[in-house]
Amino acid sequence: MSLPEEIVGVSAVPPEFSRVAADMFGNRLPLAQQYASLLANEGIEWGLIGPREYDRIWERHIMNSLCVSALIPKGLFVADLGSGAGLPGIVLAIAREDLYVDLVEPMGRRCDFLSMCVAKLGLSETVNVVRTRVEDYQVTPDVLTCRALANMSSLVELTSRFIPPGTLLAIKGEKAPAEVESASTILRTRGLQAEIIRPTMDNIQLGTVVRVSSDMNMITQ
């Protein structure tokens, strides 16, 4: 498919996000810009990003992926479940050199794209592409991340075996409160608790995160 001419400038950070991007990525901002270009070009060509997304790469995808960064302590091992085009996993790996990240993805074409991104961005020392289903993933990370993977009830089913010792950070949208309410029974039966967090930086709300962790009150009863 031929790409729109507007894609040429997509790697540039929109002015409204320039301060946040500079603070979050630091001297690795050029890598984030290169990744934005990969999403807008190969990402669209390979069908990982919709063709209408090219002018929303920063707002809808990169900045939104940053909303989990401040919730992850330094030096942890992160598994990005159903990584797709690398959101939020690759964004985290660029912004946080201290993290080790598994990009967990079952589909071959998506894994090929992820591997290409890791190679082109020079992230191979801290990022690993793992082609497998979440159900078959055998590693126990410190933190699990996901974005647009499944509803909360399904996510709890998929990830409760990792919690504890891990914590799930699920990037969600406006329906997060309703999803958490719908998942209340399974959360309770698994001894888990969920809280909704809306990280904000420079007066910009980056996204909505549902953090799922052990309910210590239930564990100690």
C-alpha atoms as a PDB file:
ATOM      1  CA  MET A   1       0.000   0.000   0.000  1.00  0.00           C
ATOM      2  CA  SER A   2       1.136   3.579  -0.594  1.00  0.00           C
ATOM      3  CA  LEU A   3       1.550   5.700   2.496  1.00  0.00           C
ATOM      4  CA  PRO A   4       0.081   9.196   2.925  1.00  0.00           C
ATOM      5  CA  GLU A   5       2.534  12.036   2.397  1.00  0.00           C
ATOM      6  CA  GLU A   6       1.715  13.318   5.905  1.00  0.00           C
ATOM      7  CA  ILE A   7       3.553  10.340   7.409  1.00  0.00           C
ATOM      8  CA  VAL A   8       6.867  11.956   6.517  1.00  0.00           C
ATOM      9  CA  GLY A   9       6.727  14.261   9.545  1.00  0.00           C
ATOM     10  CA  VAL A  10       5.195  11.894  12.051  1.00  0.00           C
ATOM     11  CA  SER A  11       8.426  11.314  13.973  1.00  0.00           C
ATOM     12  CA  ALA A  12       8.412  14.948  15.141  1.00  0.00           C
ATOM     13  CA  VAL A  13       6.984  15.389  18.638  1.00  0.00           C
ATOM     14  CA  PRO A  14       3.783  17.502  18.621  1.00  0.00           C
ATOM     15  CA  PRO A  15       4.404  20.800  20.449  1.00  0.00           C
ATOM     16  CA  GLU A  16       1.870  20.035  23.174  1.00  0.00           C
ATOM     17  CA  PHE A  17       3.843  16.929  24.161  1.00  0.00           C
ATOM     18  CA  SER A  18       7.374  18.264  23.692  1.00  0.00           C
ATOM     19  CA  ARG A  19       8.098  18.960  27.363  1.00  0.00           C
ATOM     20  CA  VAL A  20       6.726  15.626  28.580  1.00  0.00           C
ATOM     21  CA  ALA A  21       8.562  13.741  25.857  1.00  0.00           C
ATOM     22  CA  ALA A  22      11.834  15.495  26.682  1.00  0.00           C
ATOM     23  CA  ASP A  23      11.421  14.758  30.404  1.00  0.00           C
ATOM     24  CA  MET A  24      10.413  11.127  29.938  1.00  0.00           C
ATOM     25  CA  PHE A  25      12.855  10.108  27.204  1.00  0.00           C
ATOM     26  CA  GLY A  26      15.788  12.410  27.955  1.00  0.00           C
ATOM     27  CA  ASN A  27      18.722  11.794  25.633  1.00  0.00           C
ATOM     28  CA  ARG A  28      16.878   8.820  24.157  1.00  0.00           C
ATOM     29  CA  LEU A  29      14.185  11.015  22.599  1.00  0.00           C
ATOM     30  CA  PRO A  30      15.660  10.402  19.097  1.00  0.00           C
ATOM     31  CA  LEU A  31      15.014   6.675  19.641  1.00  0.00           C
ATOM     32  CA  ALA A  32      11.377   7.432  20.492  1.00  0.00           C
ATOM     33  CA  GLN A  33      11.122   9.507  17.332  1.00  0.00           C
ATOM     34  CA  GLN A  34      12.635   6.670  15.309  1.00  0.00           C
ATOM     35  CA  TYR A  35      10.122   4.262  16.828  1.00  0.00           C
ATOM     36  CA  ALA A  36       7.290   6.651  15.931  1.00  0.00           C
ATOM     37  CA  SER A  37       8.507   6.521  12.338  1.00  0.00           C
ATOM     38  CA  LEU A  38       8.612   2.701  12.410  1.00  0.00           C
ATOM     39  CA  LEU A  39       5.029   2.612  13.666  1.00  0.00           C
ATOM     40  CA  ALA A  40       3.868   5.040  11.001  1.00  0.00           C
ATOM     41  CA  ASN A  41       5.631   3.231   8.174  1.00  0.00           C
ATOM     42  CA  GLU A  42       6.223  -0.509   8.672  1.00  0.00           C
ATOM     43  CA  GLY A  43       3.601  -0.597  11.426  1.00  0.00           C
ATOM     44  CA  ILE A  44       0.923   0.558   8.999  1.00  0.00           C
ATOM     45  CA  GLU A  45       2.295  -1.395   6.044  1.00  0.00           C
ATOM     46  CA  TRP A  46       2.225  -4.624   8.062  1.00  0.00           C
ATOM     47  CA  GLY A  47      -1.239  -3.961   9.458  1.00  0.00           C
ATOM     48  CA  LEU A  48      -0.209  -3.497  13.090  1.00  0.00           C
ATOM     49  CA  ILE A  49      -1.392   0.104  13.205  1.00  0.00           C
ATOM     50  CA  GLY A  50      -4.509   1.299  11.389  1.00  0.00           C
ATOM     51  CA  PRO A  51      -3.907   3.652   8.428  1.00  0.00           C
ATOM     52  CA  ARG A  52      -5.904   6.380  10.143  1.00  0.00           C
ATOM     53  CA  GLU A  53      -3.551   6.342  13.131  1.00  0.00           C
ATOM     54  CA  TYR A  54      -0.541   7.968  11.478  1.00  0.00           C
ATOM     55  CA  ASP A  55      -1.411  11.464  12.711  1.00  0.00           C
ATOM     56  CA  ARG A  56      -2.113  10.185  16.247  1.00  0.00           C
ATOM     57  CA  ILE A  57       1.024   8.118  16.790  1.00  0.00           C
ATOM     58  CA  TRP A  58       2.300  10.307  19.630  1.00  0.00           C
ATOM     59  CA  GLU A  59      -0.987  11.127  21.350  1.00  0.00           C
ATOM     60  CA  ARG A  60      -2.776   7.802  21.045  1.00  0.00           C
ATOM     61  CA  HIS A  61       0.125   5.383  21.219  1.00  0.00           C
ATOM     62  CA  ILE A  62       3.453   6.680  22.522  1.00  0.00           C
ATOM     63  CA  MET A  63       2.276   9.159  25.164  1.00  0.00           C
ATOM     64  CA  ASN A  64      -0.461   6.774  26.283  1.00  0.00           C
ATOM     65  CA  SER A  65       2.121   4.012  26.727  1.00  0.00           C
ATOM     66  CA  LEU A  66       4.157   6.254  29.038  1.00  0.00           C
ATOM     67  CA  CYS A  67       1.378   6.293  31.627  1.00  0.00           C
ATOM     68  CA  VAL A  68       2.736   3.156  33.313  1.00  0.00           C
ATOM     69  CA  SER A  69       6.359   4.305  33.507  1.00  0.00           C
ATOM     70  CA  ALA A  70       6.162   6.160  36.814  1.00  0.00           C
ATOM     71  CA  LEU A  71       4.384   3.177  38.414  1.00  0.00           C
ATOM     72  CA  ILE A  72       7.316   0.801  37.863  1.00  0.00           C
ATOM     73  CA  PRO A  73      10.187   0.890  40.383  1.00  0.00           C
ATOM     74  CA  LYS A  74      13.752   1.002  39.160  1.00  0.00           C
ATOM     75  CA  GLY A  75      15.539  -2.040  37.775  1.00  0.00           C
ATOM     76  CA  LEU A  76      12.618  -4.458  37.488  1.00  0.00           C
ATOM     77  CA  PHE A  77      11.809  -7.184  34.986  1.00  0.00           C
ATOM     78  CA  VAL A  78       8.695  -6.352  32.946  1.00  0.00           C
ATOM     79  CA  ALA A  79       6.622  -8.642  30.731  1.00  0.00           C
ATOM     80  CA  ASP A  80       4.522  -6.784  28.160  1.00  0.00           C
ATOM     81  CA  LEU A  81       1.680  -9.187  27.408  1.00  0.00           C
ATOM     82  CA  GLY A  82       0.158  -9.242  23.932  1.00  0.00           C
ATOM     83  CA  SER A  83       2.750  -6.669  22.954  1.00  0.00           C
ATOM     84  CA  GLY A  84       1.492  -6.260  19.369  1.00  0.00           C
ATOM     85  CA  ALA A  85       3.414  -3.342  17.906  1.00  0.00           C
ATOM     86  CA  GLY A  86       5.381  -2.884  21.132  1.00  0.00           C
ATOM     87  CA  LEU A  87       2.921  -0.759  23.075  1.00  0.00           C
ATOM     88  CA  PRO A  88       3.730  -0.111  25.838  1.00  0.00           C
ATOM     89  CA  GLY A  89       6.765  -2.446  26.007  1.00  0.00           C
ATOM     90  CA  ILE A  90       9.082  -0.770  23.508  1.00  0.00           C
ATOM     91  CA  VAL A  91       8.110   2.707  24.705  1.00  0.00           C
ATOM     92  CA  LEU A  92       9.013   1.654  28.255  1.00  0.00           C
ATOM     93  CA  ALA A  93      12.305   0.150  27.124  1.00  0.00           C
ATOM     94  CA  ILE A  94      13.243   3.419  25.416  1.00  0.00           C
ATOM     95  CA  ALA A  95      12.213   5.645  28.334  1.00  0.00           C
ATOM     96  CA  ARG A  96      13.594   3.362  31.044  1.00  0.00           C
ATOM     97  CA  GLU A  97      17.082   1.976  30.387  1.00  0.00           C
ATOM     98  CA  ASP A  98      16.982   0.367  33.841  1.00  0.00           C
ATOM     99  CA  LEU A  99      14.187  -2.072  32.938  1.00  0.00           C
ATOM    100  CA  TYR A 100      14.450  -5.523  31.394  1.00  0.00           C
ATOM    101  CA  VAL A 101      11.495  -6.183  29.116  1.00  0.00           C
ATOM    102  CA  ASP A 102       9.997  -9.319  27.569  1.00  0.00           C
ATOM    103  CA  LEU A 103       7.693  -8.559  24.645  1.00  0.00           C
ATOM    104  CA  VAL A 104       5.250 -11.472  24.819  1.00  0.00           C
ATOM    105  CA  GLU A 105       3.349 -11.950  21.566  1.00  0.00           C
ATOM    106  CA  PRO A 106       1.963 -15.106  19.868  1.00  0.00           C
ATOM    107  CA  MET A 107       1.583 -13.838  16.288  1.00  0.00           C
ATOM    108  CA  GLY A 108       4.531 -14.296  13.918  1.00  0.00           C
ATOM    109  CA  ARG A 109       4.108 -11.088  11.903  1.00  0.00           C
ATOM    110  CA  ARG A 110       3.928  -9.014  15.051  1.00  0.00           C
ATOM    111  CA  CYS A 111       6.997 -10.762  16.474  1.00  0.00           C
ATOM    112  CA  ASP A 112       8.850  -9.998  13.237  1.00  0.00           C
ATOM    113  CA  PHE A 113       7.968  -6.331  13.614  1.00  0.00           C
ATOM    114  CA  LEU A 114       9.014  -6.329  17.271  1.00  0.00           C
ATOM    115  CA  SER A 115      12.332  -8.000  16.458  1.00  0.00           C
ATOM    116  CA  MET A 116      12.968  -5.444  13.711  1.00  0.00           C
ATOM    117  CA  CYS A 117      12.261  -2.588  16.126  1.00  0.00           C
ATOM    118  CA  VAL A 118      14.525  -4.034  18.813  1.00  0.00           C
ATOM    119  CA  ALA A 119      17.362  -4.404  16.291  1.00  0.00           C
ATOM    120  CA  LYS A 120      16.955  -0.987  14.644  1.00  0.00           C
ATOM    121  CA  LEU A 121      16.625   0.817  17.982  1.00  0.00           C
ATOM    122  CA  GLY A 122      19.572  -1.005  19.572  1.00  0.00           C
ATOM    123  CA  LEU A 123      17.530  -2.397  22.464  1.00  0.00           C
ATOM    124  CA  SER A 124      18.710  -6.020  22.360  1.00  0.00           C
ATOM    125  CA  GLU A 125      20.617  -5.820  25.656  1.00  0.00           C
ATOM    126  CA  THR A 126      17.460  -5.157  27.661  1.00  0.00           C
ATOM    127  CA  VAL A 127      14.577  -6.327  25.445  1.00  0.00           C
ATOM    128  CA  ASN A 128      13.633  -9.852  24.409  1.00  0.00           C
ATOM    129  CA  VAL A 129      10.884 -10.881  21.982  1.00  0.00           C
ATOM    130  CA  VAL A 130       9.071 -13.999  23.216  1.00  0.00           C
ATOM    131  CA  ARG A 131       6.736 -15.674  20.759  1.00  0.00           C
ATOM    132  CA  THR A 132       4.157 -17.420  22.920  1.00  0.00           C
ATOM    133  CA  ARG A 133       0.651 -17.094  24.297  1.00  0.00           C
ATOM    134  CA  VAL A 134       0.184 -15.536  27.708  1.00  0.00           C
ATOM    135  CA  GLU A 135      -1.176 -18.893  28.892  1.00  0.00           C
ATOM    136  CA  ASP A 136       2.104 -20.576  27.958  1.00  0.00           C
ATOM    137  CA  TYR A 137       4.496 -17.915  29.231  1.00  0.00           C
ATOM    138  CA  GLN A 138       6.640 -19.617  31.850  1.00  0.00           C
ATOM    139  CA  VAL A 139       8.605 -16.711  33.349  1.00  0.00           C
ATOM    140  CA  THR A 140       7.644 -14.848  36.529  1.00  0.00           C
ATOM    141  CA  PRO A 141       8.207 -11.102  36.002  1.00  0.00           C
ATOM    142  CA  ASP A 142       8.096  -8.333  38.596  1.00  0.00           C
ATOM    143  CA  VAL A 143       5.573  -6.333  36.596  1.00  0.00           C
ATOM    144  CA  LEU A 144       3.089  -7.243  33.874  1.00  0.00           C
ATOM    145  CA  THR A 145       1.921  -4.607  31.410  1.00  0.00           C
ATOM    146  CA  CYS A 146      -0.715  -4.753  28.701  1.00  0.00           C
ATOM    147  CA  ARG A 147      -2.722  -2.459  26.490  1.00  0.00           C
ATOM    148  CA  ALA A 148      -5.952  -3.343  24.702  1.00  0.00           C
ATOM    149  CA  LEU A 149      -5.409  -7.025  25.416  1.00  0.00           C
ATOM    150  CA  ALA A 150      -8.692  -8.108  27.059  1.00  0.00           C
ATOM    151  CA  ASN A 151     -11.354  -6.969  29.507  1.00  0.00           C
ATOM    152  CA  MET A 152     -10.472  -6.971  33.204  1.00  0.00           C
ATOM    153  CA  SER A 153     -12.206 -10.243  34.030  1.00  0.00           C
ATOM    154  CA  SER A 154     -10.281 -12.028  31.270  1.00  0.00           C
ATOM    155  CA  LEU A 155      -7.043 -10.309  32.270  1.00  0.00           C
ATOM    156  CA  VAL A 156      -7.412 -11.541  35.843  1.00  0.00           C
ATOM    157  CA  GLU A 157      -7.976 -15.063  34.510  1.00  0.00           C
ATOM    158  CA  LEU A 158      -4.842 -14.778  32.364  1.00  0.00           C
ATOM    159  CA  THR A 159      -2.523 -13.165  34.888  1.00  0.00           C
ATOM    160  CA  SER A 160      -3.576 -14.098  38.427  1.00  0.00           C
ATOM    161  CA  ARG A 161      -0.956 -16.879  38.539  1.00  0.00           C
ATOM    162  CA  PHE A 162       1.715 -14.170  38.328  1.00  0.00           C
ATOM    163  CA  ILE A 163       0.270 -12.146  41.242  1.00  0.00           C
ATOM    164  CA  PRO A 164       1.945 -12.251  43.708  1.00  0.00           C
ATOM    165  CA  PRO A 165       4.866 -11.736  43.378  1.00  0.00           C
ATOM    166  CA  GLY A 166       4.153  -9.589  40.332  1.00  0.00           C
ATOM    167  CA  THR A 167       1.814  -6.653  39.728  1.00  0.00           C
ATOM    168  CA  LEU A 168      -0.371  -6.052  36.679  1.00  0.00           C
ATOM    169  CA  LEU A 169      -0.524  -2.594  35.089  1.00  0.00           C
ATOM    170  CA  ALA A 170      -3.277  -2.599  32.463  1.00  0.00           C
ATOM    171  CA  ILE A 171      -3.686   0.486  30.285  1.00  0.00           C
ATOM    172  CA  LYS A 172      -7.390   1.109  29.881  1.00  0.00           C
ATOM    173  CA  GLY A 173      -9.784   3.762  28.605  1.00  0.00           C
ATOM    174  CA  GLU A 174     -12.882   5.523  29.887  1.00  0.00           C
ATOM    175  CA  LYS A 175     -14.625   2.246  30.684  1.00  0.00           C
ATOM    176  CA  ALA A 176     -12.012   1.246  33.287  1.00  0.00           C
ATOM    177  CA  PRO A 177     -14.316   1.770  36.315  1.00  0.00           C
ATOM    178  CA  ALA A 178     -17.042  -0.382  34.750  1.00  0.00           C
ATOM    179  CA  GLU A 179     -14.528  -3.105  33.868  1.00  0.00           C
ATOM    180  CA  VAL A 180     -13.150  -3.165  37.398  1.00  0.00           C
ATOM    181  CA  GLU A 181     -16.663  -3.385  38.808  1.00  0.00           C
ATOM    182  CA  SER A 182     -17.494  -6.263  36.456  1.00  0.00           C
ATOM    183  CA  ALA A 183     -14.339  -8.069  37.573  1.00  0.00           C
ATOM    184  CA  SER A 184     -14.967  -7.563  41.292  1.00  0.00           C
ATOM    185  CA  THR A 185     -16.046 -11.150  41.947  1.00  0.00           C
ATOM    186  CA  ILE A 186     -13.078 -12.809  40.289  1.00  0.00           C
ATOM    187  CA  LEU A 187     -10.709 -10.289  41.886  1.00  0.00           C
ATOM    188  CA  ARG A 188     -12.107 -11.144  45.302  1.00  0.00           C
ATOM    189  CA  THR A 189     -11.987 -14.899  44.771  1.00  0.00           C
ATOM    190  CA  ARG A 190      -8.355 -14.672  43.590  1.00  0.00           C
ATOM    191  CA  GLY A 191      -7.340 -12.533  46.562  1.00  0.00           C
ATOM    192  CA  LEU A 192      -6.562  -9.514  44.396  1.00  0.00           C
ATOM    193  CA  GLN A 193      -7.363  -5.822  44.479  1.00  0.00           C
ATOM    194  CA  ALA A 194      -7.601  -3.294  41.649  1.00  0.00           C
ATOM    195  CA  GLU A 195      -7.125   0.451  41.745  1.00  0.00           C
ATOM    196  CA  ILE A 196      -7.575   2.988  38.969  1.00  0.00           C
ATOM    197  CA  ILE A 197      -4.735   5.455  38.468  1.00  0.00           C
ATOM    198  CA  ARG A 198      -4.630   8.357  36.033  1.00  0.00           C
ATOM    199  CA  PRO A 199      -0.986   9.485  35.739  1.00  0.00           C
ATOM    200  CA  THR A 200      -0.598  13.153  34.861  1.00  0.00           C
ATOM    201  CA  MET A 201       2.514  15.078  33.821  1.00  0.00           C
ATOM    202  CA  ASP A 202       2.752  18.758  32.918  1.00  0.00           C
ATOM    203  CA  ASN A 203      -1.059  18.959  33.280  1.00  0.00           C
ATOM    204  CA  ILE A 204      -1.491  16.256  30.631  1.00  0.00           C
ATOM    205  CA  GLN A 205      -3.281  13.057  31.593  1.00  0.00           C
ATOM    206  CA  LEU A 206      -1.233  10.362  29.902  1.00  0.00           C
ATOM    207  CA  GLY A 207      -3.800   7.610  30.285  1.00  0.00           C
ATOM    208  CA  THR A 208      -5.756   5.406  32.654  1.00  0.00           C
ATOM    209  CA  VAL A 209      -4.112   2.454  34.392  1.00  0.00           C
ATOM    210  CA  VAL A 210      -5.705  -0.355  36.367  1.00  0.00           C
ATOM    211  CA  ARG A 211      -3.170  -1.690  38.850  1.00  0.00           C
ATOM    212  CA  VAL A 212      -3.912  -5.210  40.093  1.00  0.00           C
ATOM    213  CA  SER A 213      -1.984  -6.550  43.059  1.00  0.00           C
ATOM    214  CA  SER A 214      -2.404  -8.876  46.011  1.00  0.00           C
ATOM    215  CA  ASP A 215      -5.043  -7.987  48.564  1.00  0.00           C
ATOM    216  CA  MET A 216      -2.862  -8.375  51.657  1.00  0.00           C
ATOM    217  CA  ASN A 217      -5.881  -8.115  53.966  1.00  0.00           C
ATOM    218  CA  MET A 218      -7.357 -11.245  52.397  1.00  0.00           C
ATOM    219  CA  ILE A 219      -4.013 -13.072  52.363  1.00  0.00           C
ATOM    220  CA  THR A 220      -3.463 -12.516  56.094  1.00  0.00           C
ATOM    221  CA  GLN A 221      -6.971 -13.526  57.129  1.00  0.00           C
END
